[in-house]
Amino acid sequence: MLYRDFDRFKQACEELYARSGPKTRTCIRWRADVGLLVMRLTDDVQTLTFKTRSKSFLNRFDSLNLTLLRKYHNRGRLSAHAQLDAPGPSEHTIPDPSVSLSAGDGAKGEADGASSRTKRKKGKKKQGK
């Protein structure tokens, strides 16, 4: 849908983002051949477009883009906090050091605390004449 009023376009963009969330994406283009500044926001179902010949709208485009980026960022931050706040059975458990993490270690290095790799000896340096 093509908008002529930027305030209505901005409101429609924020509503579309509220409905679709992270599926939305924006594109700002300068079409030099016709002298148009175009901003498009889509969620693959609905596309919102605003076209203008005035370069003064570039600041408004930037402001709207920053607002949407903050919403993208905050949504990710809020979902991460929700995951951290939800207690799970694996949280707050201390791993038992007697339990081996890999099955291939066996009792070879675990029993005496030795490393499974052998240490190489360095050769003598040759002295130049």
C-alpha atoms as a PDB file:
ATOM      1  CA  MET A   1       0.000   0.000   0.000  1.00  0.00           C
ATOM      2  CA  LEU A   2       1.374   3.399  -0.985  1.00  0.00           C
ATOM      3  CA  TYR A   3       1.137   6.193   1.598  1.00  0.00           C
ATOM      4  CA  ARG A   4       1.283   9.916   0.854  1.00  0.00           C
ATOM      5  CA  ASP A   5       1.267  11.110   4.500  1.00  0.00           C
ATOM      6  CA  PHE A   6       4.381  10.161   6.477  1.00  0.00           C
ATOM      7  CA  ASP A   7       2.646  10.199   9.883  1.00  0.00           C
ATOM      8  CA  ARG A   8       0.091   7.628   8.697  1.00  0.00           C
ATOM      9  CA  PHE A   9       2.894   5.593   7.143  1.00  0.00           C
ATOM     10  CA  LYS A  10       4.844   5.631  10.406  1.00  0.00           C
ATOM     11  CA  GLN A  11       1.787   4.536  12.393  1.00  0.00           C
ATOM     12  CA  ALA A  12       1.038   1.741   9.899  1.00  0.00           C
ATOM     13  CA  CYS A  13       4.668   0.551  10.090  1.00  0.00           C
ATOM     14  CA  GLU A  14       4.558   0.343  13.877  1.00  0.00           C
ATOM     15  CA  GLU A  15       1.235  -1.541  13.744  1.00  0.00           C
ATOM     16  CA  LEU A  16       2.609  -3.974  11.155  1.00  0.00           C
ATOM     17  CA  TYR A  17       5.656  -4.612  13.312  1.00  0.00           C
ATOM     18  CA  ALA A  18       3.454  -5.151  16.374  1.00  0.00           C
ATOM     19  CA  ARG A  19       1.469  -7.776  14.424  1.00  0.00           C
ATOM     20  CA  SER A  20       4.278  -9.569  12.592  1.00  0.00           C
ATOM     21  CA  GLY A  21       7.271  -9.018  14.843  1.00  0.00           C
ATOM     22  CA  PRO A  22      10.720 -10.041  13.633  1.00  0.00           C
ATOM     23  CA  LYS A  23       9.444 -11.158  10.210  1.00  0.00           C
ATOM     24  CA  THR A  24       9.223  -7.508   9.139  1.00  0.00           C
ATOM     25  CA  ARG A  25      12.064  -5.848   7.273  1.00  0.00           C
ATOM     26  CA  THR A  26      12.714  -2.394   5.856  1.00  0.00           C
ATOM     27  CA  CYS A  27      14.384  -1.097   2.744  1.00  0.00           C
ATOM     28  CA  ILE A  28      15.351   2.527   2.030  1.00  0.00           C
ATOM     29  CA  ARG A  29      16.348   3.307  -1.567  1.00  0.00           C
ATOM     30  CA  TRP A  30      17.291   6.328  -3.596  1.00  0.00           C
ATOM     31  CA  ARG A  31      16.142   5.934  -7.182  1.00  0.00           C
ATOM     32  CA  ALA A  32      18.436   8.359  -8.953  1.00  0.00           C
ATOM     33  CA  ASP A  33      16.902   7.862 -12.399  1.00  0.00           C
ATOM     34  CA  VAL A  34      13.562   9.358 -11.285  1.00  0.00           C
ATOM     35  CA  GLY A  35      14.758  11.249  -8.186  1.00  0.00           C
ATOM     36  CA  LEU A  36      12.666   9.286  -5.684  1.00  0.00           C
ATOM     37  CA  LEU A  37      13.415   8.405  -2.094  1.00  0.00           C
ATOM     38  CA  VAL A  38      11.543   5.169  -1.295  1.00  0.00           C
ATOM     39  CA  MET A  39      11.012   3.431   2.039  1.00  0.00           C
ATOM     40  CA  ARG A  40       9.414   0.015   2.097  1.00  0.00           C
ATOM     41  CA  LEU A  41       8.371  -2.153   5.055  1.00  0.00           C
ATOM     42  CA  THR A  42       7.127  -5.691   4.490  1.00  0.00           C
ATOM     43  CA  ASP A  43       6.322  -8.923   6.302  1.00  0.00           C
ATOM     44  CA  ASP A  44       5.902 -10.979   3.068  1.00  0.00           C
ATOM     45  CA  VAL A  45       2.107 -10.621   3.328  1.00  0.00           C
ATOM     46  CA  GLN A  46       1.625  -6.863   3.377  1.00  0.00           C
ATOM     47  CA  THR A  47       3.941  -4.196   1.957  1.00  0.00           C
ATOM     48  CA  LEU A  48       3.877  -0.559   3.058  1.00  0.00           C
ATOM     49  CA  THR A  49       5.547   1.992   0.784  1.00  0.00           C
ATOM     50  CA  PHE A  50       6.290   5.700   1.076  1.00  0.00           C
ATOM     51  CA  LYS A  51       7.767   7.637  -1.849  1.00  0.00           C
ATOM     52  CA  THR A  52       8.934  11.237  -1.898  1.00  0.00           C
ATOM     53  CA  ARG A  53      11.091  13.566  -3.954  1.00  0.00           C
ATOM     54  CA  SER A  54      12.067  15.649  -0.912  1.00  0.00           C
ATOM     55  CA  LYS A  55      15.418  14.889   0.710  1.00  0.00           C
ATOM     56  CA  SER A  56      14.148  16.357   3.973  1.00  0.00           C
ATOM     57  CA  PHE A  57      12.270  13.096   4.604  1.00  0.00           C
ATOM     58  CA  LEU A  58      15.593  11.297   4.935  1.00  0.00           C
ATOM     59  CA  ASN A  59      15.819  12.355   8.603  1.00  0.00           C
ATOM     60  CA  ARG A  60      12.306  11.040   9.205  1.00  0.00           C
ATOM     61  CA  PHE A  61      13.203   7.758   7.507  1.00  0.00           C
ATOM     62  CA  ASP A  62      16.261   7.492   9.723  1.00  0.00           C
ATOM     63  CA  SER A  63      14.185   8.219  12.833  1.00  0.00           C
ATOM     64  CA  LEU A  64      11.597   5.571  11.925  1.00  0.00           C
ATOM     65  CA  ASN A  65      14.323   3.064  11.111  1.00  0.00           C
ATOM     66  CA  LEU A  66      15.989   3.657  14.514  1.00  0.00           C
ATOM     67  CA  THR A  67      12.634   3.275  16.278  1.00  0.00           C
ATOM     68  CA  LEU A  68      12.017  -0.056  14.562  1.00  0.00           C
ATOM     69  CA  LEU A  69      15.573  -1.221  15.303  1.00  0.00           C
ATOM     70  CA  ARG A  70      15.071  -0.445  18.989  1.00  0.00           C
ATOM     71  CA  LYS A  71      11.884  -2.502  18.947  1.00  0.00           C
ATOM     72  CA  TYR A  72      13.697  -5.387  17.219  1.00  0.00           C
ATOM     73  CA  HIS A  73      16.503  -5.210  19.768  1.00  0.00           C
ATOM     74  CA  ASN A  74      14.215  -4.880  22.792  1.00  0.00           C
ATOM     75  CA  ARG A  75      12.041  -7.774  21.668  1.00  0.00           C
ATOM     76  CA  GLY A  76      15.099 -10.024  21.567  1.00  0.00           C
ATOM     77  CA  ARG A  77      16.233  -8.734  24.942  1.00  0.00           C
ATOM     78  CA  LEU A  78      12.782  -9.282  26.486  1.00  0.00           C
ATOM     79  CA  SER A  79      12.563 -12.842  25.172  1.00  0.00           C
ATOM     80  CA  ALA A  80      16.056 -13.566  26.520  1.00  0.00           C
ATOM     81  CA  HIS A  81      15.035 -12.233  29.943  1.00  0.00           C
ATOM     82  CA  ALA A  82      11.899 -14.358  29.853  1.00  0.00           C
ATOM     83  CA  GLN A  83      14.014 -17.442  29.176  1.00  0.00           C
ATOM     84  CA  LEU A  84      16.413 -16.562  31.991  1.00  0.00           C
ATOM     85  CA  ASP A  85      13.614 -15.871  34.453  1.00  0.00           C
ATOM     86  CA  ALA A  86      11.856 -19.182  33.813  1.00  0.00           C
ATOM     87  CA  PRO A  87      13.327 -21.752  36.219  1.00  0.00           C
ATOM     88  CA  GLY A  88      14.251 -25.031  34.622  1.00  0.00           C
ATOM     89  CA  PRO A  89      15.563 -28.326  35.957  1.00  0.00           C
ATOM     90  CA  SER A  90      19.044 -27.710  34.535  1.00  0.00           C
ATOM     91  CA  GLU A  91      19.457 -24.280  36.130  1.00  0.00           C
ATOM     92  CA  HIS A  92      21.333 -23.739  39.362  1.00  0.00           C
ATOM     93  CA  THR A  93      22.807 -27.246  39.395  1.00  0.00           C
ATOM     94  CA  ILE A  94      26.472 -27.782  40.119  1.00  0.00           C
ATOM     95  CA  PRO A  95      28.103 -30.408  37.900  1.00  0.00           C
ATOM     96  CA  ASP A  96      29.548 -33.431  39.694  1.00  0.00           C
ATOM     97  CA  PRO A  97      33.341 -33.518  39.080  1.00  0.00           C
ATOM     98  CA  SER A  98      33.449 -37.299  39.470  1.00  0.00           C
ATOM     99  CA  VAL A  99      31.280 -37.749  36.374  1.00  0.00           C
ATOM    100  CA  SER A 100      33.282 -37.841  33.156  1.00  0.00           C
ATOM    101  CA  LEU A 101      31.928 -35.746  30.270  1.00  0.00           C
ATOM    102  CA  SER A 102      33.308 -37.935  27.496  1.00  0.00           C
ATOM    103  CA  ALA A 103      32.895 -41.690  27.283  1.00  0.00           C
ATOM    104  CA  GLY A 104      36.201 -42.241  25.438  1.00  0.00           C
ATOM    105  CA  ASP A 105      38.404 -41.172  28.361  1.00  0.00           C
ATOM    106  CA  GLY A 106      37.894 -44.334  30.404  1.00  0.00           C
ATOM    107  CA  ALA A 107      40.145 -44.940  33.406  1.00  0.00           C
ATOM    108  CA  LYS A 108      43.353 -44.258  31.479  1.00  0.00           C
ATOM    109  CA  GLY A 109      43.940 -40.654  32.474  1.00  0.00           C
ATOM    110  CA  GLU A 110      41.154 -40.116  34.954  1.00  0.00           C
ATOM    111  CA  ALA A 111      42.422 -42.388  37.734  1.00  0.00           C
ATOM    112  CA  ASP A 112      45.860 -40.883  38.205  1.00  0.00           C
ATOM    113  CA  GLY A 113      45.052 -37.374  36.946  1.00  0.00           C
ATOM    114  CA  ALA A 114      47.570 -37.619  34.107  1.00  0.00           C
ATOM    115  CA  SER A 115      46.974 -35.979  30.777  1.00  0.00           C
ATOM    116  CA  SER A 116      46.097 -38.205  27.836  1.00  0.00           C
ATOM    117  CA  ARG A 117      48.692 -36.507  25.596  1.00  0.00           C
ATOM    118  CA  THR A 118      52.389 -37.310  25.812  1.00  0.00           C
ATOM    119  CA  LYS A 119      54.852 -34.479  26.083  1.00  0.00           C
ATOM    120  CA  ARG A 120      57.450 -34.178  23.312  1.00  0.00           C
ATOM    121  CA  LYS A 121      61.057 -33.509  24.137  1.00  0.00           C
ATOM    122  CA  LYS A 122      62.762 -30.595  22.447  1.00  0.00           C
ATOM    123  CA  GLY A 123      65.939 -31.246  20.502  1.00  0.00           C
ATOM    124  CA  LYS A 124      69.219 -29.452  21.151  1.00  0.00           C
ATOM    125  CA  LYS A 125      69.890 -26.227  19.312  1.00  0.00           C
ATOM    126  CA  LYS A 126      72.612 -26.356  16.722  1.00  0.00           C
ATOM    127  CA  GLN A 127      75.398 -23.891  17.214  1.00  0.00           C
ATOM    128  CA  GLY A 128      76.492 -21.996  14.133  1.00  0.00           C
ATOM    129  CA  LYS A 129      80.150 -21.385  13.293  1.00  0.00           C
END
